[in-house]
Amino acid sequence: MLSPGDRVWVNIPKKGYVAVGIVEQAVQPASEFTVLTADGAKSVMDVVQHGPKYKASADTPDLSEYFVKVKWINARDATNAFNEVGLFGNQNTVCQPTTPKWRHTVERLKQAFSIQSN
């Protein structure tokens, strides 16, 4: 559901929103996704905590993990998460809500994270 240019908001359930970013690249399977490290670009499976788990299912498209490159605009730690009564919340990994409650949430998040654009 994510495409380059999409804005993403990160919500920790029962804590609140902690980050906003812009998708930079289309989604990629773990076997193709790389990250920049101090030693240059490396496979995400060689860098992240659960890399061996991702490697075990990387050759099976239906079981593989998928990653998306995001340019983070603003982020905060969980102790400073933004939350208030009436904000939209969802347990899904990615969702594209269309309810009026979501529009209210986006407007409040834009204020909280100092986002000026649409």
PDB file of N, CA and C in Angstrom:
ATOM      1  N   MET A   1       0.801  -1.201   0.000  1.00  0.00           N
ATOM      2  CA  MET A   1       0.000   0.000   0.000  1.00  0.00           C
ATOM      3  C   MET A   1       0.848   1.270   0.000  1.00  0.00           C
ATOM      4  N   LEU A   2       2.160   1.157   0.116  1.00  0.00           N
ATOM      5  CA  LEU A   2       3.013   2.338   0.174  1.00  0.00           C
ATOM      6  C   LEU A   2       3.698   2.590  -1.156  1.00  0.00           C
ATOM      7  N   SER A   3       3.721   3.852  -1.557  1.00  0.00           N
ATOM      8  CA  SER A   3       4.366   4.257  -2.800  1.00  0.00           C
ATOM      9  C   SER A   3       5.273   5.443  -2.523  1.00  0.00           C
ATOM     10  N   PRO A   4       6.310   5.638  -3.354  1.00  0.00           N
ATOM     11  CA  PRO A   4       7.171   6.801  -3.177  1.00  0.00           C
ATOM     12  C   PRO A   4       6.347   8.093  -3.144  1.00  0.00           C
ATOM     13  N   GLY A   5       6.683   8.948  -2.177  1.00  0.00           N
ATOM     14  CA  GLY A   5       5.977  10.209  -2.002  1.00  0.00           C
ATOM     15  C   GLY A   5       4.894  10.165  -0.941  1.00  0.00           C
ATOM     16  N   ASP A   6       4.463   8.971  -0.542  1.00  0.00           N
ATOM     17  CA  ASP A   6       3.442   8.853   0.501  1.00  0.00           C
ATOM     18  C   ASP A   6       4.006   9.306   1.850  1.00  0.00           C
ATOM     19  N   ARG A   7       3.167   9.953   2.630  1.00  0.00           N
ATOM     20  CA  ARG A   7       3.540  10.307   4.000  1.00  0.00           C
ATOM     21  C   ARG A   7       3.120   9.155   4.904  1.00  0.00           C
ATOM     22  N   VAL A   8       3.974   8.812   5.852  1.00  0.00           N
ATOM     23  CA  VAL A   8       3.649   7.771   6.826  1.00  0.00           C
ATOM     24  C   VAL A   8       3.768   8.337   8.235  1.00  0.00           C
ATOM     25  N   TRP A   9       2.837   7.920   9.073  1.00  0.00           N
ATOM     26  CA  TRP A   9       2.831   8.282  10.489  1.00  0.00           C
ATOM     27  C   TRP A   9       3.039   7.001  11.280  1.00  0.00           C
ATOM     28  N   VAL A  10       3.891   7.034  12.281  1.00  0.00           N
ATOM     29  CA  VAL A  10       4.173   5.851  13.087  1.00  0.00           C
ATOM     30  C   VAL A  10       3.465   5.983  14.430  1.00  0.00           C
ATOM     31  N   ASN A  11       2.624   4.994  14.717  1.00  0.00           N
ATOM     32  CA  ASN A  11       1.847   4.979  15.949  1.00  0.00           C
ATOM     33  C   ASN A  11       2.221   3.735  16.759  1.00  0.00           C
ATOM     34  N   ILE A  12       2.626   3.939  17.994  1.00  0.00           N
ATOM     35  CA  ILE A  12       2.863   2.817  18.906  1.00  0.00           C
ATOM     36  C   ILE A  12       1.560   2.596  19.663  1.00  0.00           C
ATOM     37  N   PRO A  13       0.936   1.428  19.515  1.00  0.00           N
ATOM     38  CA  PRO A  13      -0.328   1.189  20.216  1.00  0.00           C
ATOM     39  C   PRO A  13      -0.229   1.488  21.711  1.00  0.00           C
ATOM     40  N   LYS A  14      -1.238   2.157  22.219  1.00  0.00           N
ATOM     41  CA  LYS A  14      -1.379   2.531  23.621  1.00  0.00           C
ATOM     42  C   LYS A  14      -0.352   3.559  24.087  1.00  0.00           C
ATOM     43  N   LYS A  15       0.491   4.057  23.176  1.00  0.00           N
ATOM     44  CA  LYS A  15       1.464   5.114  23.513  1.00  0.00           C
ATOM     45  C   LYS A  15       1.148   6.377  22.729  1.00  0.00           C
ATOM     46  N   GLY A  16       1.076   6.248  21.390  1.00  0.00           N
ATOM     47  CA  GLY A  16       0.798   7.405  20.551  1.00  0.00           C
ATOM     48  C   GLY A  16       1.702   7.456  19.338  1.00  0.00           C
ATOM     49  N   TYR A  17       1.639   8.575  18.644  1.00  0.00           N
ATOM     50  CA  TYR A  17       2.396   8.770  17.409  1.00  0.00           C
ATOM     51  C   TYR A  17       3.803   9.257  17.736  1.00  0.00           C
ATOM     52  N   VAL A  18       4.799   8.653  17.074  1.00  0.00           N
ATOM     53  CA  VAL A  18       6.197   8.956  17.388  1.00  0.00           C
ATOM     54  C   VAL A  18       7.017   9.432  16.197  1.00  0.00           C
ATOM     55  N   ALA A  19       6.497   9.336  14.978  1.00  0.00           N
ATOM     56  CA  ALA A  19       7.312   9.748  13.835  1.00  0.00           C
ATOM     57  C   ALA A  19       6.455  10.009  12.606  1.00  0.00           C
ATOM     58  N   VAL A  20       7.029  10.786  11.704  1.00  0.00           N
ATOM     59  CA  VAL A  20       6.434  11.051  10.401  1.00  0.00           C
ATOM     60  C   VAL A  20       7.569  11.038   9.376  1.00  0.00           C
ATOM     61  N   GLY A  21       7.279  10.461   8.219  1.00  0.00           N
ATOM     62  CA  GLY A  21       8.282  10.398   7.168  1.00  0.00           C
ATOM     63  C   GLY A  21       7.644  10.317   5.797  1.00  0.00           C
ATOM     64  N   ILE A  22       8.490  10.328   4.777  1.00  0.00           N
ATOM     65  CA  ILE A  22       8.056  10.230   3.386  1.00  0.00           C
ATOM     66  C   ILE A  22       8.683   8.985   2.766  1.00  0.00           C
ATOM     67  N   VAL A  23       7.860   8.165   2.128  1.00  0.00           N
ATOM     68  CA  VAL A  23       8.352   6.962   1.460  1.00  0.00           C
ATOM     69  C   VAL A  23       9.237   7.390   0.289  1.00  0.00           C
ATOM     70  N   GLU A  24      10.445   6.827   0.224  1.00  0.00           N
ATOM     71  CA  GLU A  24      11.398   7.179  -0.837  1.00  0.00           C
ATOM     72  C   GLU A  24      11.463   6.154  -1.961  1.00  0.00           C
ATOM     73  N   GLN A  25      11.207   4.892  -1.664  1.00  0.00           N
ATOM     74  CA  GLN A  25      11.289   3.839  -2.674  1.00  0.00           C
ATOM     75  C   GLN A  25      10.136   2.868  -2.490  1.00  0.00           C
ATOM     76  N   ALA A  26       9.799   2.180  -3.563  1.00  0.00           N
ATOM     77  CA  ALA A  26       8.752   1.167  -3.499  1.00  0.00           C
ATOM     78  C   ALA A  26       9.177   0.030  -2.566  1.00  0.00           C
ATOM     79  N   VAL A  27       8.199  -0.677  -2.064  1.00  0.00           N
ATOM     80  CA  VAL A  27       8.447  -1.796  -1.175  1.00  0.00           C
ATOM     81  C   VAL A  27       9.338  -2.838  -1.855  1.00  0.00           C
ATOM     82  N   GLN A  28      10.214  -3.451  -1.054  1.00  0.00           N
ATOM     83  CA  GLN A  28      11.149  -4.457  -1.566  1.00  0.00           C
ATOM     84  C   GLN A  28      11.190  -5.645  -0.615  1.00  0.00           C
ATOM     85  N   PRO A  29      11.382  -6.845  -1.165  1.00  0.00           N
ATOM     86  CA  PRO A  29      11.541  -8.002  -0.280  1.00  0.00           C
ATOM     87  C   PRO A  29      12.855  -7.888   0.498  1.00  0.00           C
ATOM     88  N   ALA A  30      12.906  -8.533   1.648  1.00  0.00           N
ATOM     89  CA  ALA A  30      14.097  -8.481   2.495  1.00  0.00           C
ATOM     90  C   ALA A  30      15.361  -8.863   1.729  1.00  0.00           C
ATOM     91  N   SER A  31      15.256  -9.798   0.809  1.00  0.00           N
ATOM     92  CA  SER A  31      16.439 -10.253   0.067  1.00  0.00           C
ATOM     93  C   SER A  31      17.043  -9.170  -0.820  1.00  0.00           C
ATOM     94  N   GLU A  32      16.287  -8.111  -1.134  1.00  0.00           N
ATOM     95  CA  GLU A  32      16.776  -7.040  -2.015  1.00  0.00           C
ATOM     96  C   GLU A  32      17.030  -5.724  -1.287  1.00  0.00           C
ATOM     97  N   PHE A  33      16.544  -5.596  -0.065  1.00  0.00           N
ATOM     98  CA  PHE A  33      16.604  -4.312   0.644  1.00  0.00           C
ATOM     99  C   PHE A  33      17.970  -4.109   1.280  1.00  0.00           C
ATOM    100  N   THR A  34      18.565  -2.937   1.053  1.00  0.00           N
ATOM    101  CA  THR A  34      19.857  -2.605   1.653  1.00  0.00           C
ATOM    102  C   THR A  34      19.725  -1.356   2.519  1.00  0.00           C
ATOM    103  N   VAL A  35      20.636  -1.245   3.479  1.00  0.00           N
ATOM    104  CA  VAL A  35      20.703  -0.078   4.345  1.00  0.00           C
ATOM    105  C   VAL A  35      22.140   0.430   4.368  1.00  0.00           C
ATOM    106  N   LEU A  36      22.284   1.743   4.555  1.00  0.00           N
ATOM    107  CA  LEU A  36      23.626   2.320   4.646  1.00  0.00           C
ATOM    108  C   LEU A  36      24.145   2.158   6.068  1.00  0.00           C
ATOM    109  N   THR A  37      25.370   1.679   6.174  1.00  0.00           N
ATOM    110  CA  THR A  37      26.034   1.540   7.467  1.00  0.00           C
ATOM    111  C   THR A  37      27.355   2.299   7.394  1.00  0.00           C
ATOM    112  N   ALA A  38      28.077   2.343   8.486  1.00  0.00           N
ATOM    113  CA  ALA A  38      29.392   2.980   8.491  1.00  0.00           C
ATOM    114  C   ALA A  38      30.340   2.289   7.516  1.00  0.00           C
ATOM    115  N   ASP A  39      30.056   1.029   7.188  1.00  0.00           N
ATOM    116  CA  ASP A  39      30.892   0.257   6.256  1.00  0.00           C
ATOM    117  C   ASP A  39      30.306   0.218   4.849  1.00  0.00           C
ATOM    118  N   GLY A  40      29.318   1.059   4.563  1.00  0.00           N
ATOM    119  CA  GLY A  40      28.689   1.077   3.245  1.00  0.00           C
ATOM    120  C   GLY A  40      27.357   0.347   3.250  1.00  0.00           C
ATOM    121  N   ALA A  41      26.813   0.135   2.053  1.00  0.00           N
ATOM    122  CA  ALA A  41      25.508  -0.519   1.918  1.00  0.00           C
ATOM    123  C   ALA A  41      25.620  -2.005   2.269  1.00  0.00           C
ATOM    124  N   LYS A  42      24.643  -2.478   3.059  1.00  0.00           N
ATOM    125  CA  LYS A  42      24.604  -3.893   3.449  1.00  0.00           C
ATOM    126  C   LYS A  42      23.169  -4.388   3.359  1.00  0.00           C
ATOM    127  N   SER A  43      23.027  -5.682   3.171  1.00  0.00           N
ATOM    128  CA  SER A  43      21.708  -6.304   3.181  1.00  0.00           C
ATOM    129  C   SER A  43      21.064  -6.088   4.541  1.00  0.00           C
ATOM    130  N   VAL A  44      19.785  -5.750   4.539  1.00  0.00           N
ATOM    131  CA  VAL A  44      19.077  -5.553   5.800  1.00  0.00           C
ATOM    132  C   VAL A  44      19.143  -6.825   6.649  1.00  0.00           C
ATOM    133  N   MET A  45      19.192  -7.964   6.013  1.00  0.00           N
ATOM    134  CA  MET A  45      19.219  -9.232   6.747  1.00  0.00           C
ATOM    135  C   MET A  45      20.521  -9.420   7.514  1.00  0.00           C
ATOM    136  N   ASP A  46      21.583  -8.685   7.128  1.00  0.00           N
ATOM    137  CA  ASP A  46      22.866  -8.768   7.823  1.00  0.00           C
ATOM    138  C   ASP A  46      23.012  -7.711   8.914  1.00  0.00           C
ATOM    139  N   VAL A  47      22.023  -6.830   9.030  1.00  0.00           N
ATOM    140  CA  VAL A  47      22.149  -5.689   9.938  1.00  0.00           C
ATOM    141  C   VAL A  47      21.136  -5.699  11.073  1.00  0.00           C
ATOM    142  N   VAL A  48      19.910  -6.068  10.788  1.00  0.00           N
ATOM    143  CA  VAL A  48      18.853  -5.949  11.798  1.00  0.00           C
ATOM    144  C   VAL A  48      18.857  -7.118  12.784  1.00  0.00           C
ATOM    145  N   GLN A  49      18.195  -6.901  13.901  1.00  0.00           N
ATOM    146  CA  GLN A  49      18.165  -7.875  14.991  1.00  0.00           C
ATOM    147  C   GLN A  49      17.644  -9.243  14.555  1.00  0.00           C
ATOM    148  N   HIS A  50      16.590  -9.288  13.755  1.00  0.00           N
ATOM    149  CA  HIS A  50      15.983 -10.559  13.369  1.00  0.00           C
ATOM    150  C   HIS A  50      16.400 -11.000  11.967  1.00  0.00           C
ATOM    151  N   GLY A  51      17.576 -10.584  11.535  1.00  0.00           N
ATOM    152  CA  GLY A  51      18.073 -10.909  10.205  1.00  0.00           C
ATOM    153  C   GLY A  51      18.039 -12.393   9.872  1.00  0.00           C
ATOM    154  N   PRO A  52      18.491 -13.277  10.761  1.00  0.00           N
ATOM    155  CA  PRO A  52      18.455 -14.705  10.444  1.00  0.00           C
ATOM    156  C   PRO A  52      17.033 -15.215  10.178  1.00  0.00           C
ATOM    157  N   LYS A  53      16.072 -14.693  10.908  1.00  0.00           N
ATOM    158  CA  LYS A  53      14.669 -15.060  10.684  1.00  0.00           C
ATOM    159  C   LYS A  53      14.219 -14.614   9.286  1.00  0.00           C
ATOM    160  N   TYR A  54      14.609 -13.409   8.892  1.00  0.00           N
ATOM    161  CA  TYR A  54      14.251 -12.903   7.567  1.00  0.00           C
ATOM    162  C   TYR A  54      14.919 -13.729   6.463  1.00  0.00           C
ATOM    163  N   LYS A  55      16.161 -14.138   6.696  1.00  0.00           N
ATOM    164  CA  LYS A  55      16.874 -14.963   5.712  1.00  0.00           C
ATOM    165  C   LYS A  55      16.178 -16.301   5.501  1.00  0.00           C
ATOM    166  N   ALA A  56      15.651 -16.858   6.578  1.00  0.00           N
ATOM    167  CA  ALA A  56      15.024 -18.187   6.503  1.00  0.00           C
ATOM    168  C   ALA A  56      13.822 -18.204   5.576  1.00  0.00           C
ATOM    169  N   SER A  57      13.133 -17.081   5.441  1.00  0.00           N
ATOM    170  CA  SER A  57      11.940 -17.045   4.590  1.00  0.00           C
ATOM    171  C   SER A  57      12.110 -16.162   3.353  1.00  0.00           C
ATOM    172  N   ALA A  58      13.303 -15.660   3.117  1.00  0.00           N
ATOM    173  CA  ALA A  58      13.543 -14.687   2.042  1.00  0.00           C
ATOM    174  C   ALA A  58      13.275 -15.227   0.642  1.00  0.00           C
ATOM    175  N   ASP A  59      13.414 -16.517   0.444  1.00  0.00           N
ATOM    176  CA  ASP A  59      13.231 -17.091  -0.894  1.00  0.00           C
ATOM    177  C   ASP A  59      11.784 -17.507  -1.174  1.00  0.00           C
ATOM    178  N   THR A  60      10.896 -17.278  -0.230  1.00  0.00           N
ATOM    179  CA  THR A  60       9.490 -17.631  -0.403  1.00  0.00           C
ATOM    180  C   THR A  60       8.667 -16.346  -0.375  1.00  0.00           C
ATOM    181  N   PRO A  61       8.236 -15.840  -1.544  1.00  0.00           N
ATOM    182  CA  PRO A  61       7.547 -14.544  -1.594  1.00  0.00           C
ATOM    183  C   PRO A  61       6.387 -14.394  -0.615  1.00  0.00           C
ATOM    184  N   ASP A  62       5.602 -15.439  -0.404  1.00  0.00           N
ATOM    185  CA  ASP A  62       4.459 -15.334   0.507  1.00  0.00           C
ATOM    186  C   ASP A  62       4.873 -15.269   1.978  1.00  0.00           C
ATOM    187  N   LEU A  63       6.083 -15.696   2.284  1.00  0.00           N
ATOM    188  CA  LEU A  63       6.550 -15.701   3.670  1.00  0.00           C
ATOM    189  C   LEU A  63       7.593 -14.622   3.956  1.00  0.00           C
ATOM    190  N   SER A  64       8.178 -14.075   2.912  1.00  0.00           N
ATOM    191  CA  SER A  64       9.239 -13.082   3.064  1.00  0.00           C
ATOM    192  C   SER A  64       8.743 -11.822   3.761  1.00  0.00           C
ATOM    193  N   GLU A  65       9.635 -11.189   4.513  1.00  0.00           N
ATOM    194  CA  GLU A  65       9.363  -9.861   5.054  1.00  0.00           C
ATOM    195  C   GLU A  65       9.632  -8.857   3.932  1.00  0.00           C
ATOM    196  N   TYR A  66       8.950  -7.719   4.004  1.00  0.00           N
ATOM    197  CA  TYR A  66       9.111  -6.661   3.014  1.00  0.00           C
ATOM    198  C   TYR A  66       9.431  -5.359   3.724  1.00  0.00           C
ATOM    199  N   PHE A  67      10.255  -4.539   3.096  1.00  0.00           N
ATOM    200  CA  PHE A  67      10.709  -3.285   3.691  1.00  0.00           C
ATOM    201  C   PHE A  67      10.463  -2.138   2.723  1.00  0.00           C
ATOM    202  N   VAL A  68      10.392  -0.937   3.280  1.00  0.00           N
ATOM    203  CA  VAL A  68      10.224   0.260   2.467  1.00  0.00           C
ATOM    204  C   VAL A  68      11.164   1.334   3.025  1.00  0.00           C
ATOM    205  N   LYS A  69      11.840   2.044   2.119  1.00  0.00           N
ATOM    206  CA  LYS A  69      12.761   3.099   2.530  1.00  0.00           C
ATOM    207  C   LYS A  69      11.964   4.366   2.824  1.00  0.00           C
ATOM    208  N   VAL A  70      12.201   4.929   4.014  1.00  0.00           N
ATOM    209  CA  VAL A  70      11.493   6.127   4.453  1.00  0.00           C
ATOM    210  C   VAL A  70      12.511   7.191   4.853  1.00  0.00           C
ATOM    211  N   LYS A  71      12.258   8.428   4.420  1.00  0.00           N
ATOM    212  CA  LYS A  71      13.047   9.569   4.884  1.00  0.00           C
ATOM    213  C   LYS A  71      12.285  10.155   6.065  1.00  0.00           C
ATOM    214  N   TRP A  72      12.863  10.065   7.246  1.00  0.00           N
ATOM    215  CA  TRP A  72      12.185  10.533   8.446  1.00  0.00           C
ATOM    216  C   TRP A  72      12.286  12.040   8.547  1.00  0.00           C
ATOM    217  N   ILE A  73      11.145  12.689   8.752  1.00  0.00           N
ATOM    218  CA  ILE A  73      11.067  14.144   8.841  1.00  0.00           C
ATOM    219  C   ILE A  73      11.146  14.596  10.296  1.00  0.00           C
ATOM    220  N   ASN A  74      10.461  13.867  11.160  1.00  0.00           N
ATOM    221  CA  ASN A  74      10.411  14.228  12.567  1.00  0.00           C
ATOM    222  C   ASN A  74      10.141  12.944  13.353  1.00  0.00           C
ATOM    223  N   ALA A  75      10.865  12.766  14.436  1.00  0.00           N
ATOM    224  CA  ALA A  75      10.674  11.572  15.265  1.00  0.00           C
ATOM    225  C   ALA A  75      10.952  11.925  16.719  1.00  0.00           C
ATOM    226  N   ARG A  76      10.354  11.148  17.595  1.00  0.00           N
ATOM    227  CA  ARG A  76      10.556  11.338  19.032  1.00  0.00           C
ATOM    228  C   ARG A  76      10.526   9.969  19.704  1.00  0.00           C
ATOM    229  N   ASP A  77      11.050   9.908  20.922  1.00  0.00           N
ATOM    230  CA  ASP A  77      11.024   8.615  21.616  1.00  0.00           C
ATOM    231  C   ASP A  77       9.624   8.343  22.160  1.00  0.00           C
ATOM    232  N   ALA A  78       9.391   7.110  22.526  1.00  0.00           N
ATOM    233  CA  ALA A  78       8.059   6.676  22.951  1.00  0.00           C
ATOM    234  C   ALA A  78       7.560   7.420  24.190  1.00  0.00           C
ATOM    235  N   THR A  79       8.463   7.872  25.042  1.00  0.00           N
ATOM    236  CA  THR A  79       8.024   8.597  26.233  1.00  0.00           C
ATOM    237  C   THR A  79       7.440   9.965  25.891  1.00  0.00           C
ATOM    238  N   ASN A  80       7.713  10.452  24.689  1.00  0.00           N
ATOM    239  CA  ASN A  80       7.178  11.732  24.233  1.00  0.00           C
ATOM    240  C   ASN A  80       6.165  11.565  23.096  1.00  0.00           C
ATOM    241  N   ALA A  81       5.591  10.386  22.987  1.00  0.00           N
ATOM    242  CA  ALA A  81       4.616  10.118  21.924  1.00  0.00           C
ATOM    243  C   ALA A  81       3.450  11.096  22.019  1.00  0.00           C
ATOM    244  N   PHE A  82       2.905  11.458  20.851  1.00  0.00           N
ATOM    245  CA  PHE A  82       1.752  12.356  20.807  1.00  0.00           C
ATOM    246  C   PHE A  82       0.480  11.520  20.803  1.00  0.00           C
ATOM    247  N   ASN A  83      -0.372  11.769  21.787  1.00  0.00           N
ATOM    248  CA  ASN A  83      -1.623  11.034  21.885  1.00  0.00           C
ATOM    249  C   ASN A  83      -2.656  11.912  22.571  1.00  0.00           C
ATOM    250  N   GLU A  84      -3.868  11.838  22.098  1.00  0.00           N
ATOM    251  CA  GLU A  84      -4.969  12.530  22.757  1.00  0.00           C
ATOM    252  C   GLU A  84      -6.270  11.827  22.403  1.00  0.00           C
ATOM    253  N   VAL A  85      -7.276  12.010  23.193  1.00  0.00           N
ATOM    254  CA  VAL A  85      -8.583  11.403  22.954  1.00  0.00           C
ATOM    255  C   VAL A  85      -9.106  11.874  21.606  1.00  0.00           C
ATOM    256  N   GLY A  86      -9.644  10.929  20.825  1.00  0.00           N
ATOM    257  CA  GLY A  86     -10.237  11.261  19.531  1.00  0.00           C
ATOM    258  C   GLY A  86      -9.340  11.005  18.333  1.00  0.00           C
ATOM    259  N   LEU A  87      -8.063  10.644  18.557  1.00  0.00           N
ATOM    260  CA  LEU A  87      -7.176  10.348  17.427  1.00  0.00           C
ATOM    261  C   LEU A  87      -7.454   8.948  16.888  1.00  0.00           C
ATOM    262  N   PHE A  88      -7.284   8.800  15.577  1.00  0.00           N
ATOM    263  CA  PHE A  88      -7.434   7.506  14.930  1.00  0.00           C
ATOM    264  C   PHE A  88      -6.285   6.609  15.370  1.00  0.00           C
ATOM    265  N   GLY A  89      -6.580   5.347  15.599  1.00  0.00           N
ATOM    266  CA  GLY A  89      -5.545   4.372  15.924  1.00  0.00           C
ATOM    267  C   GLY A  89      -5.907   3.041  15.298  1.00  0.00           C
ATOM    268  N   ASN A  90      -4.914   2.293  14.847  1.00  0.00           N
ATOM    269  CA  ASN A  90      -5.160   1.023  14.183  1.00  0.00           C
ATOM    270  C   ASN A  90      -3.988   0.100  14.430  1.00  0.00           C
ATOM    271  N   GLN A  91      -4.240  -1.177  14.636  1.00  0.00           N
ATOM    272  CA  GLN A  91      -3.195  -2.158  14.914  1.00  0.00           C
ATOM    273  C   GLN A  91      -2.525  -2.685  13.650  1.00  0.00           C
ATOM    274  N   ASN A  92      -3.034  -2.341  12.469  1.00  0.00           N
ATOM    275  CA  ASN A  92      -2.440  -2.848  11.226  1.00  0.00           C
ATOM    276  C   ASN A  92      -1.048  -2.277  11.010  1.00  0.00           C
ATOM    277  N   THR A  93      -0.236  -3.015  10.279  1.00  0.00           N
ATOM    278  CA  THR A  93       1.088  -2.541   9.945  1.00  0.00           C
ATOM    279  C   THR A  93       0.985  -1.293   9.075  1.00  0.00           C
ATOM    280  N   VAL A  94       0.135  -1.340   8.063  1.00  0.00           N
ATOM    281  CA  VAL A  94      -0.110  -0.196   7.182  1.00  0.00           C
ATOM    282  C   VAL A  94      -1.608  -0.115   6.950  1.00  0.00           C
ATOM    283  N   CYS A  95      -2.140   1.078   7.036  1.00  0.00           N
ATOM    284  CA  CYS A  95      -3.548   1.258   6.715  1.00  0.00           C
ATOM    285  C   CYS A  95      -3.725   2.601   6.023  1.00  0.00           C
ATOM    286  N   GLN A  96      -4.776   2.716   5.269  1.00  0.00           N
ATOM    287  CA  GLN A  96      -5.088   3.952   4.567  1.00  0.00           C
ATOM    288  C   GLN A  96      -6.521   4.334   4.921  1.00  0.00           C
ATOM    289  N   PRO A  97      -6.695   4.914   6.103  1.00  0.00           N
ATOM    290  CA  PRO A  97      -8.047   5.214   6.563  1.00  0.00           C
ATOM    291  C   PRO A  97      -8.708   6.327   5.752  1.00  0.00           C
ATOM    292  N   THR A  98     -10.024   6.259   5.691  1.00  0.00           N
ATOM    293  CA  THR A  98     -10.782   7.255   4.942  1.00  0.00           C
ATOM    294  C   THR A  98     -11.875   7.895   5.794  1.00  0.00           C
ATOM    295  N   THR A  99     -11.928   7.567   7.075  1.00  0.00           N
ATOM    296  CA  THR A  99     -12.976   8.091   7.936  1.00  0.00           C
ATOM    297  C   THR A  99     -12.712   9.548   8.300  1.00  0.00           C
ATOM    298  N   PRO A 100     -13.758  10.302   8.641  1.00  0.00           N
ATOM    299  CA  PRO A 100     -13.569  11.687   9.088  1.00  0.00           C
ATOM    300  C   PRO A 100     -12.626  11.786  10.299  1.00  0.00           C
ATOM    301  N   LYS A 101     -12.639  10.761  11.152  1.00  0.00           N
ATOM    302  CA  LYS A 101     -11.751  10.749  12.314  1.00  0.00           C
ATOM    303  C   LYS A 101     -10.287  10.799  11.879  1.00  0.00           C
ATOM    304  N   TRP A 102      -9.972  10.177  10.746  1.00  0.00           N
ATOM    305  CA  TRP A 102      -8.596  10.193  10.255  1.00  0.00           C
ATOM    306  C   TRP A 102      -8.199  11.589   9.820  1.00  0.00           C
ATOM    307  N   ARG A 103      -9.072  12.308   9.148  1.00  0.00           N
ATOM    308  CA  ARG A 103      -8.776  13.680   8.710  1.00  0.00           C
ATOM    309  C   ARG A 103      -8.444  14.548   9.921  1.00  0.00           C
ATOM    310  N   HIS A 104      -9.247  14.426  10.993  1.00  0.00           N
ATOM    311  CA  HIS A 104      -8.977  15.156  12.238  1.00  0.00           C
ATOM    312  C   HIS A 104      -7.601  14.770  12.791  1.00  0.00           C
ATOM    313  N   THR A 105      -7.308  13.479  12.785  1.00  0.00           N
ATOM    314  CA  THR A 105      -6.027  12.988  13.304  1.00  0.00           C
ATOM    315  C   THR A 105      -4.858  13.573  12.517  1.00  0.00           C
ATOM    316  N   VAL A 106      -4.960  13.567  11.187  1.00  0.00           N
ATOM    317  CA  VAL A 106      -3.871  14.107  10.360  1.00  0.00           C
ATOM    318  C   VAL A 106      -3.644  15.584  10.670  1.00  0.00           C
ATOM    319  N   GLU A 107      -4.710  16.330  10.799  1.00  0.00           N
ATOM    320  CA  GLU A 107      -4.559  17.766  11.094  1.00  0.00           C
ATOM    321  C   GLU A 107      -3.877  17.975  12.445  1.00  0.00           C
ATOM    322  N   ARG A 108      -4.241  17.199  13.439  1.00  0.00           N
ATOM    323  CA  ARG A 108      -3.598  17.305  14.762  1.00  0.00           C
ATOM    324  C   ARG A 108      -2.136  16.860  14.701  1.00  0.00           C
ATOM    325  N   LEU A 109      -1.849  15.789  13.934  1.00  0.00           N
ATOM    326  CA  LEU A 109      -0.473  15.312  13.811  1.00  0.00           C
ATOM    327  C   LEU A 109       0.401  16.331  13.096  1.00  0.00           C
ATOM    328  N   LYS A 110      -0.140  16.959  12.066  1.00  0.00           N
ATOM    329  CA  LYS A 110       0.617  17.994  11.352  1.00  0.00           C
ATOM    330  C   LYS A 110       1.005  19.124  12.302  1.00  0.00           C
ATOM    331  N   GLN A 111       0.110  19.485  13.198  1.00  0.00           N
ATOM    332  CA  GLN A 111       0.430  20.516  14.189  1.00  0.00           C
ATOM    333  C   GLN A 111       1.495  20.014  15.166  1.00  0.00           C
ATOM    334  N   ALA A 112       1.299  18.816  15.685  1.00  0.00           N
ATOM    335  CA  ALA A 112       2.211  18.269  16.702  1.00  0.00           C
ATOM    336  C   ALA A 112       3.618  18.036  16.168  1.00  0.00           C
ATOM    337  N   PHE A 113       3.725  17.683  14.884  1.00  0.00           N
ATOM    338  CA  PHE A 113       5.024  17.378  14.293  1.00  0.00           C
ATOM    339  C   PHE A 113       5.531  18.496  13.380  1.00  0.00           C
ATOM    340  N   SER A 114       4.871  19.654  13.424  1.00  0.00           N
ATOM    341  CA  SER A 114       5.282  20.837  12.643  1.00  0.00           C
ATOM    342  C   SER A 114       5.401  20.559  11.153  1.00  0.00           C
ATOM    343  N   ILE A 115       4.368  19.946  10.583  1.00  0.00           N
ATOM    344  CA  ILE A 115       4.314  19.650   9.153  1.00  0.00           C
ATOM    345  C   ILE A 115       3.456  20.719   8.475  1.00  0.00           C
ATOM    346  N   GLN A 116       4.009  21.400   7.481  1.00  0.00           N
ATOM    347  CA  GLN A 116       3.310  22.491   6.831  1.00  0.00           C
ATOM    348  C   GLN A 116       2.594  22.079   5.544  1.00  0.00           C
ATOM    349  N   SER A 117       3.076  21.053   4.868  1.00  0.00           N
ATOM    350  CA  SER A 117       2.512  20.662   3.569  1.00  0.00           C
ATOM    351  C   SER A 117       1.256  19.831   3.734  1.00  0.00           C
ATOM    352  N   ASN A 118       0.558  19.608   2.600  1.00  0.00           N
ATOM    353  CA  ASN A 118      -0.634  18.745   2.614  1.00  0.00           C
ATOM    354  C   ASN A 118      -0.188  17.356   2.886  1.00  0.00           C
TER     355      ASN A 118
END
